[in-house]
N, C-alpha and C. Protein backbone atom coordinates (compact mmCIF):
# COMPACT_ATOMS: atom_id res chain seq x y z
N MET A 1 -37.52 -4.57 11.78
CA MET A 1 -37.61 -3.26 11.87
C MET A 1 -37.35 -2.50 10.88
N PRO A 2 -37.81 -1.43 10.26
CA PRO A 2 -37.51 -0.48 9.31
C PRO A 2 -36.44 -0.16 9.27
N GLU A 3 -35.65 0.15 8.18
CA GLU A 3 -34.03 0.49 7.97
C GLU A 3 -33.53 1.46 8.41
N ILE A 4 -34.40 2.60 8.44
CA ILE A 4 -34.27 3.71 8.79
C ILE A 4 -34.04 3.83 10.21
N GLU A 5 -34.95 3.50 11.01
CA GLU A 5 -35.20 3.27 12.71
C GLU A 5 -33.59 2.39 13.13
N LEU A 6 -33.53 1.43 12.31
CA LEU A 6 -32.29 0.23 12.58
C LEU A 6 -31.02 0.97 12.56
N ARG A 7 -31.02 1.88 11.65
CA ARG A 7 -29.72 2.89 11.40
C ARG A 7 -29.49 3.78 12.82
N LYS A 8 -30.81 4.16 13.18
CA LYS A 8 -31.01 5.29 14.10
C LYS A 8 -30.21 4.47 15.35
N GLU A 9 -30.79 2.91 15.61
CA GLU A 9 -30.54 2.38 16.92
C GLU A 9 -28.96 1.99 16.76
N ILE A 10 -28.29 1.42 15.67
CA ILE A 10 -27.02 1.26 15.62
C ILE A 10 -26.35 2.27 15.86
N ARG A 11 -26.23 3.50 15.33
CA ARG A 11 -25.67 5.09 15.31
C ARG A 11 -25.91 5.05 17.23
N ARG A 12 -26.98 4.86 17.68
CA ARG A 12 -27.10 5.35 19.34
C ARG A 12 -26.37 4.26 19.95
N PHE A 13 -26.30 2.96 19.61
CA PHE A 13 -25.13 2.11 20.11
C PHE A 13 -23.97 2.20 20.06
N LEU A 14 -23.33 2.58 18.86
CA LEU A 14 -22.22 3.10 18.62
C LEU A 14 -21.70 4.21 19.44
N GLU A 15 -22.03 5.17 19.60
CA GLU A 15 -22.09 6.67 20.13
C GLU A 15 -21.89 6.66 21.55
N LYS A 16 -22.55 5.14 22.35
CA LYS A 16 -22.47 4.90 23.91
C LYS A 16 -21.49 4.15 24.31
N ARG A 17 -20.52 3.59 23.30
CA ARG A 17 -19.39 2.68 23.30
C ARG A 17 -18.58 2.89 23.16
N LYS A 18 -17.06 2.68 23.82
CA LYS A 18 -15.70 3.15 23.42
C LYS A 18 -14.96 1.77 23.39
N VAL A 19 -15.41 0.73 23.37
CA VAL A 19 -14.34 -0.43 23.25
C VAL A 19 -15.01 -1.38 22.43
N LEU A 20 -14.06 -2.13 21.52
CA LEU A 20 -14.58 -2.89 20.62
C LEU A 20 -13.53 -4.59 20.81
N VAL A 21 -14.00 -5.23 20.27
CA VAL A 21 -12.81 -6.52 20.25
C VAL A 21 -12.67 -6.95 18.77
N LEU A 22 -11.50 -6.35 18.21
CA LEU A 22 -11.05 -6.77 17.04
C LEU A 22 -10.63 -8.15 16.76
N CYS A 23 -11.16 -9.13 15.66
CA CYS A 23 -10.95 -10.42 15.63
C CYS A 23 -10.38 -10.58 14.19
N THR A 24 -9.04 -10.90 14.17
CA THR A 24 -7.98 -11.29 13.04
C THR A 24 -7.86 -12.23 13.21
N CYS A 25 -7.22 -13.16 11.62
CA CYS A 25 -7.05 -14.45 11.68
C CYS A 25 -5.59 -14.73 10.79
N SER A 26 -4.65 -15.51 11.39
CA SER A 26 -3.63 -15.83 10.55
C SER A 26 -3.31 -17.25 10.63
N ASN A 27 -3.29 -18.03 9.38
CA ASN A 27 -2.96 -19.58 9.60
C ASN A 27 -3.85 -20.27 10.24
N ASN A 28 -5.31 -20.02 10.30
CA ASN A 28 -6.13 -20.49 11.27
C ASN A 28 -5.76 -20.27 12.68
N VAL A 29 -5.31 -19.24 13.02
CA VAL A 29 -5.09 -19.03 14.32
C VAL A 29 -5.85 -17.58 14.56
N PRO A 30 -6.62 -17.70 15.34
CA PRO A 30 -7.53 -16.55 15.66
C PRO A 30 -6.87 -15.55 16.76
N ARG A 31 -7.08 -14.25 16.59
CA ARG A 31 -6.67 -13.17 17.71
C ARG A 31 -7.47 -12.20 17.94
N ALA A 32 -8.11 -11.99 18.97
CA ALA A 32 -8.88 -11.21 19.32
C ALA A 32 -8.22 -10.13 20.50
N THR A 33 -8.88 -8.75 20.04
CA THR A 33 -7.77 -7.43 20.50
C THR A 33 -8.79 -6.38 20.80
N PRO A 34 -8.76 -6.38 22.39
CA PRO A 34 -9.80 -4.92 22.69
C PRO A 34 -9.03 -4.04 22.11
N MET A 35 -9.95 -3.06 21.66
CA MET A 35 -9.14 -1.36 21.36
C MET A 35 -10.32 -0.73 21.69
N ASP A 36 -10.18 0.76 21.85
CA ASP A 36 -10.73 1.95 21.79
C ASP A 36 -10.93 2.12 20.36
N PHE A 37 -12.26 2.71 20.14
CA PHE A 37 -12.57 3.05 18.79
C PHE A 37 -13.48 4.34 18.98
N TYR A 38 -13.50 4.76 17.54
CA TYR A 38 -13.92 6.23 17.09
C TYR A 38 -14.83 6.18 16.25
N ILE A 39 -15.67 7.08 15.86
CA ILE A 39 -16.72 7.19 14.92
C ILE A 39 -16.86 8.79 14.59
N GLU A 40 -17.32 8.98 13.45
CA GLU A 40 -17.40 10.26 13.08
C GLU A 40 -18.49 10.87 13.77
N LYS A 41 -18.50 12.26 14.41
CA LYS A 41 -19.99 12.93 14.76
C LYS A 41 -20.50 13.21 13.58
N ASN A 42 -22.07 13.22 13.73
CA ASN A 42 -22.82 13.80 12.93
C ASN A 42 -22.55 12.96 11.28
N ALA A 43 -22.08 11.97 10.94
CA ALA A 43 -21.85 11.31 9.96
C ALA A 43 -22.90 10.49 9.41
N ASN A 44 -23.25 10.31 8.16
CA ASN A 44 -24.37 9.48 8.01
C ASN A 44 -23.83 8.29 7.68
N ASN A 45 -22.71 7.70 8.16
CA ASN A 45 -22.06 6.14 7.88
C ASN A 45 -21.68 5.49 9.49
N PHE A 46 -21.35 4.40 9.31
CA PHE A 46 -20.73 3.88 10.38
C PHE A 46 -19.22 3.30 10.62
N HIS A 47 -18.55 4.16 9.84
CA HIS A 47 -17.18 3.77 9.72
C HIS A 47 -16.37 4.05 10.96
N LEU A 48 -15.45 2.93 11.43
CA LEU A 48 -14.99 2.99 12.66
C LEU A 48 -13.61 3.22 12.79
N TYR A 49 -12.76 4.09 13.65
CA TYR A 49 -11.62 4.08 13.58
C TYR A 49 -10.86 3.56 14.58
N VAL A 50 -9.86 2.91 14.70
CA VAL A 50 -8.99 2.66 15.73
C VAL A 50 -7.42 3.01 15.45
N GLY A 51 -6.83 2.76 16.40
CA GLY A 51 -5.44 3.51 16.12
C GLY A 51 -4.53 2.23 16.61
N PRO A 52 -4.15 1.39 15.98
CA PRO A 52 -3.78 0.09 16.08
C PRO A 52 -2.08 0.46 16.43
N ALA A 53 -1.41 -0.15 17.56
CA ALA A 53 0.08 -0.29 17.83
C ALA A 53 0.64 -1.19 16.94
N PRO A 54 1.67 -1.36 16.16
CA PRO A 54 2.40 -2.16 15.45
C PRO A 54 2.20 -3.62 15.90
N GLY A 55 1.84 -4.74 15.35
CA GLY A 55 2.07 -6.05 15.87
C GLY A 55 0.99 -6.94 15.42
N LYS A 56 0.44 -8.37 15.83
CA LYS A 56 0.18 -9.18 15.32
C LYS A 56 -0.96 -9.04 14.44
N LYS A 57 -2.22 -8.08 15.11
CA LYS A 57 -3.19 -7.67 14.66
C LYS A 57 -3.01 -7.11 13.15
N VAL A 58 -2.29 -6.00 13.13
CA VAL A 58 -1.65 -5.41 11.87
C VAL A 58 -1.62 -6.15 10.70
N GLU A 59 -0.56 -7.16 11.35
CA GLU A 59 0.39 -8.38 10.02
C GLU A 59 -0.94 -8.98 9.71
N ASN A 60 -1.91 -9.62 10.98
CA ASN A 60 -2.92 -10.49 10.54
C ASN A 60 -4.01 -9.86 9.06
N ILE A 61 -3.90 -8.46 9.50
CA ILE A 61 -5.23 -7.99 8.45
C ILE A 61 -4.58 -7.72 7.04
N LYS A 62 -2.99 -7.67 7.07
CA LYS A 62 -2.37 -7.31 5.87
C LYS A 62 -2.35 -8.50 5.34
N GLU A 63 -2.11 -9.84 6.04
CA GLU A 63 -2.30 -11.16 5.30
C GLU A 63 -3.78 -11.29 4.75
N ASN A 64 -4.73 -11.55 5.68
CA ASN A 64 -5.97 -11.84 5.75
C ASN A 64 -6.99 -10.54 5.75
N PRO A 65 -7.22 -10.08 5.12
CA PRO A 65 -8.13 -8.54 5.06
C PRO A 65 -9.46 -9.18 5.53
N ILE A 66 -9.82 -9.87 6.49
CA ILE A 66 -11.17 -10.05 7.07
C ILE A 66 -11.36 -10.11 8.43
N VAL A 67 -12.09 -9.37 8.85
CA VAL A 67 -11.90 -9.06 10.35
C VAL A 67 -13.77 -9.08 10.84
N SER A 68 -13.63 -9.63 12.02
CA SER A 68 -15.10 -9.68 12.88
C SER A 68 -15.03 -8.80 14.04
N ILE A 69 -15.68 -8.09 14.36
CA ILE A 69 -15.62 -7.27 15.38
C ILE A 69 -16.95 -7.08 16.24
N GLY A 70 -16.71 -7.40 17.71
CA GLY A 70 -17.54 -7.43 18.80
C GLY A 70 -17.67 -6.30 19.84
N ILE A 71 -18.93 -5.74 20.07
CA ILE A 71 -19.08 -4.76 20.63
C ILE A 71 -20.03 -5.20 21.51
N TYR A 72 -20.25 -4.90 23.17
CA TYR A 72 -21.37 -5.37 23.75
C TYR A 72 -21.72 -4.31 24.78
N THR A 73 -22.45 -4.40 25.69
CA THR A 73 -23.10 -3.69 26.59
C THR A 73 -22.82 -4.75 27.92
N PRO A 74 -22.10 -3.82 28.93
CA PRO A 74 -21.66 -4.95 30.09
C PRO A 74 -22.85 -5.26 30.80
N MET A 75 -22.75 -6.43 31.25
CA MET A 75 -23.93 -7.15 32.06
C MET A 75 -24.26 -6.43 33.33
N SER A 76 -23.47 -5.80 34.01
CA SER A 76 -23.63 -4.56 34.82
C SER A 76 -24.78 -3.63 34.81
N GLU A 77 -24.92 -3.50 33.55
CA GLU A 77 -25.97 -2.34 32.97
C GLU A 77 -27.51 -3.10 32.95
N GLY A 78 -27.36 -4.49 33.29
CA GLY A 78 -28.92 -5.02 33.19
C GLY A 78 -29.53 -5.10 31.85
N LYS A 79 -28.73 -5.06 30.78
CA LYS A 79 -29.48 -5.22 29.31
C LYS A 79 -28.32 -6.46 28.76
N ILE A 80 -28.92 -7.12 27.99
CA ILE A 80 -28.38 -7.97 26.87
C ILE A 80 -28.58 -7.21 25.50
N GLN A 81 -27.19 -6.63 25.43
CA GLN A 81 -27.37 -5.85 23.89
C GLN A 81 -25.68 -6.33 23.48
N GLY A 82 -25.56 -6.63 22.00
CA GLY A 82 -24.42 -6.68 21.53
C GLY A 82 -24.31 -6.43 20.03
N MET A 83 -23.36 -6.12 19.63
CA MET A 83 -23.17 -5.93 18.10
C MET A 83 -21.92 -6.54 17.54
N GLN A 84 -22.29 -7.42 16.15
CA GLN A 84 -21.45 -7.89 15.44
C GLN A 84 -20.93 -6.96 14.35
N ILE A 85 -20.00 -6.76 13.91
CA ILE A 85 -19.37 -5.95 12.64
C ILE A 85 -18.59 -7.29 11.66
N THR A 86 -19.10 -7.05 10.61
CA THR A 86 -18.14 -7.83 9.45
C THR A 86 -17.47 -6.85 8.67
N ALA A 87 -16.16 -6.96 8.64
CA ALA A 87 -16.00 -6.07 7.29
C ALA A 87 -14.33 -6.69 6.26
N SER A 88 -14.45 -6.77 5.37
CA SER A 88 -13.34 -7.51 4.70
C SER A 88 -12.96 -7.20 3.22
N GLY A 89 -11.57 -7.21 3.26
CA GLY A 89 -11.39 -6.70 1.77
C GLY A 89 -10.48 -5.17 2.17
N ARG A 90 -9.38 -4.95 1.22
CA ARG A 90 -8.61 -3.90 1.30
C ARG A 90 -9.51 -2.70 1.28
N GLU A 91 -10.39 -2.59 0.51
CA GLU A 91 -10.87 -1.48 0.24
C GLU A 91 -11.96 -1.34 1.82
N SER A 92 -12.16 -2.24 2.62
CA SER A 92 -12.92 -1.60 3.94
C SER A 92 -12.25 -1.62 4.69
N LEU A 93 -10.82 -2.15 4.85
CA LEU A 93 -9.59 -2.11 6.02
C LEU A 93 -8.62 -1.39 5.36
N ILE A 94 -8.72 -0.09 5.86
CA ILE A 94 -7.66 0.86 5.08
C ILE A 94 -7.00 1.42 6.33
N PHE A 95 -5.66 1.25 5.84
CA PHE A 95 -4.45 1.58 7.00
C PHE A 95 -3.95 3.02 6.78
N LEU A 96 -4.27 3.95 7.51
CA LEU A 96 -3.84 5.30 7.02
C LEU A 96 -2.47 5.67 7.86
N LYS A 97 -1.97 6.35 6.87
CA LYS A 97 -0.68 6.88 8.02
C LYS A 97 -0.16 8.45 7.42
N LYS A 98 0.65 9.22 8.28
CA LYS A 98 1.29 10.29 7.64
C LYS A 98 1.52 10.37 6.28
N GLY A 99 1.03 11.49 5.76
CA GLY A 99 0.92 11.91 4.18
C GLY A 99 -0.12 11.15 3.28
N ASP A 100 -0.86 10.10 3.92
CA ASP A 100 -2.40 9.66 3.29
C ASP A 100 -3.38 10.89 3.23
N ASP A 101 -3.95 10.95 2.42
CA ASP A 101 -4.96 11.97 1.99
C ASP A 101 -6.04 12.14 3.26
N GLU A 102 -6.32 10.81 3.74
CA GLU A 102 -7.57 11.15 4.71
C GLU A 102 -6.64 10.95 6.09
N PHE A 103 -5.53 10.65 6.10
CA PHE A 103 -4.75 10.70 7.52
C PHE A 103 -5.21 11.71 8.55
N ASN A 104 -5.06 12.96 8.00
CA ASN A 104 -5.35 14.25 8.93
C ASN A 104 -6.88 14.19 9.42
N LYS A 105 -7.69 13.78 8.45
CA LYS A 105 -9.13 13.94 8.73
C LYS A 105 -9.50 12.86 9.81
N ALA A 106 -8.73 11.54 9.94
CA ALA A 106 -9.00 10.60 10.71
C ALA A 106 -7.94 10.79 12.23
N GLN A 107 -7.24 11.74 11.89
CA GLN A 107 -6.49 11.98 13.35
C GLN A 107 -7.39 12.89 14.30
N LYS A 108 -8.13 13.72 13.59
CA LYS A 108 -9.04 14.64 14.24
C LYS A 108 -10.33 13.82 14.98
N ILE A 109 -10.59 12.70 14.45
CA ILE A 109 -11.52 11.70 14.79
C ILE A 109 -10.90 11.02 16.03
N VAL A 110 -9.69 10.41 15.91
CA VAL A 110 -8.89 9.73 17.10
C VAL A 110 -8.13 10.24 17.89
N ARG A 111 -8.57 9.90 19.12
CA ARG A 111 -8.18 10.55 20.40
C ARG A 111 -6.62 10.16 20.42
N GLY A 112 -5.54 11.32 20.51
CA GLY A 112 -4.20 11.14 20.70
C GLY A 112 -3.59 11.11 19.39
N LYS A 113 -2.17 11.18 19.75
CA LYS A 113 -1.31 11.40 18.22
C LYS A 113 -1.31 9.96 17.80
N ARG A 114 -1.51 9.75 16.74
CA ARG A 114 -1.47 8.17 16.31
C ARG A 114 -0.28 8.12 14.77
N LYS A 115 0.62 7.03 14.56
CA LYS A 115 1.36 7.13 13.41
C LYS A 115 0.36 6.00 12.72
N LEU A 116 -0.70 5.14 13.02
CA LEU A 116 -1.08 4.43 12.09
C LEU A 116 -2.44 4.41 12.40
N ILE A 117 -3.69 4.58 11.61
CA ILE A 117 -5.16 4.41 12.00
C ILE A 117 -5.46 3.57 11.39
N LEU A 118 -6.39 2.59 11.69
CA LEU A 118 -7.00 2.08 10.63
C LEU A 118 -8.64 2.54 10.70
N LYS A 119 -9.05 2.49 9.38
CA LYS A 119 -10.30 2.94 9.05
C LYS A 119 -11.19 1.68 8.62
N ILE A 120 -12.05 1.20 9.32
CA ILE A 120 -12.95 0.15 8.88
C ILE A 120 -14.64 0.35 8.36
N ILE A 121 -14.58 -0.18 7.47
CA ILE A 121 -15.92 0.13 6.74
C ILE A 121 -16.88 -1.03 6.70
N PRO A 122 -17.71 -1.06 7.74
CA PRO A 122 -18.72 -2.19 7.53
C PRO A 122 -19.33 -2.49 6.79
N GLU A 123 -19.62 -3.79 6.32
CA GLU A 123 -20.27 -4.63 5.23
C GLU A 123 -21.33 -5.43 5.72
N LYS A 124 -21.39 -5.50 6.91
CA LYS A 124 -22.53 -6.11 7.53
C LYS A 124 -22.38 -5.70 8.95
N ILE A 125 -23.85 -5.12 9.87
CA ILE A 125 -24.07 -4.88 11.16
C ILE A 125 -25.02 -5.65 11.90
N GLU A 126 -24.55 -6.50 12.65
CA GLU A 126 -25.67 -7.32 13.23
C GLU A 126 -25.95 -6.82 14.70
N LEU A 127 -26.96 -6.34 15.05
CA LEU A 127 -27.38 -5.78 16.24
C LEU A 127 -28.35 -6.50 17.39
N LEU A 128 -27.90 -7.10 18.43
CA LEU A 128 -29.16 -7.58 19.08
C LEU A 128 -29.50 -7.05 20.33
N ASP A 129 -30.88 -6.70 20.42
CA ASP A 129 -30.92 -6.04 21.58
C ASP A 129 -32.56 -6.93 21.93
N TYR A 130 -32.63 -7.49 23.47
CA TYR A 130 -33.84 -7.88 23.80
C TYR A 130 -34.79 -7.04 23.87
N ASP A 131 -34.40 -5.56 23.89
CA ASP A 131 -35.66 -4.82 24.45
C ASP A 131 -36.39 -4.52 23.01
N PHE A 132 -35.92 -4.78 21.94
CA PHE A 132 -36.65 -4.88 20.54
C PHE A 132 -37.69 -5.48 20.44
N ILE A 133 -37.80 -6.54 21.14
CA ILE A 133 -39.01 -7.66 21.43
C ILE A 133 -40.11 -6.73 21.82
N LYS A 134 -39.76 -5.97 22.96
CA LYS A 134 -41.22 -5.26 23.63
C LYS A 134 -41.58 -4.08 22.58
N GLU A 135 -41.10 -3.71 21.34
CA GLU A 135 -41.38 -2.83 20.52
C GLU A 135 -41.82 -3.77 19.42
N GLY A 136 -41.96 -4.81 19.29
CA GLY A 136 -42.69 -5.92 18.18
C GLY A 136 -41.67 -6.59 17.25
N TYR A 137 -40.28 -6.26 17.60
CA TYR A 137 -39.12 -6.82 16.75
C TYR A 137 -38.77 -7.64 17.05
N SER A 138 -37.94 -8.36 16.03
CA SER A 138 -37.16 -9.64 16.46
C SER A 138 -35.52 -8.82 17.03
N ARG A 139 -35.50 -9.65 18.17
CA ARG A 139 -34.16 -9.30 18.66
C ARG A 139 -32.82 -9.06 18.34
N SER A 140 -32.69 -9.64 16.96
CA SER A 140 -31.75 -9.71 16.29
C SER A 140 -31.86 -8.84 14.93
N GLN A 141 -31.35 -7.85 14.71
CA GLN A 141 -31.57 -7.05 13.55
C GLN A 141 -30.12 -7.15 12.71
N VAL A 142 -30.42 -6.92 11.27
CA VAL A 142 -29.25 -7.20 10.44
C VAL A 142 -28.91 -5.95 9.50
N LEU A 143 -28.05 -5.12 9.44
CA LEU A 143 -28.07 -4.15 8.38
C LEU A 143 -26.82 -4.65 7.35
N GLU A 144 -27.19 -4.90 6.00
CA GLU A 144 -26.12 -5.06 5.01
C GLU A 144 -25.92 -3.98 4.29
N LEU A 145 -24.70 -3.42 4.56
CA LEU A 145 -23.88 -2.08 3.79
C LEU A 145 -23.46 -2.10 2.26
C-alpha cells in the first residue's frame, strides 16, 4: 500500500478507537494495562496521549522505556482489524506533568484533569486489516516512523 494511503488508514483506525492495551515489562515480567487514549485532532502525526495513574506501568516505563501497544476492533463488529505500535526510549515515551512546557497542550487533548500525561511517539505501526486484501494489498501493513 502506498505510504500516503497507509497513513490515512492508520489515522482513520485511531480516530475510531478509544482504548488501547499498554504493555510494559520489568525484570522479565510483562504487564498489559487497558487504558483510554487520545490523539491530536487534525494533526499530521500519530502521537498518543494517555493519563496513567501512578503505579506499576509508570514504574516499568521509567525502568525499561520500551512499550508495545495493542489496539483492536471488537469481533462483534464483524471485522478482523488490529494495530500494534512500538515505542522505545525516553524521547518517545515522555511523561508530562504540571509545569512542563507541553503539559497544558496535552491536557487539552486528554479528557479530564490529569496530574500526569504520557505522550507516546510511535516508531513503528503495524496495521492488520483483512479488508486490505479486497483492495489488492497485503492484510498486514507496516509504517516505520
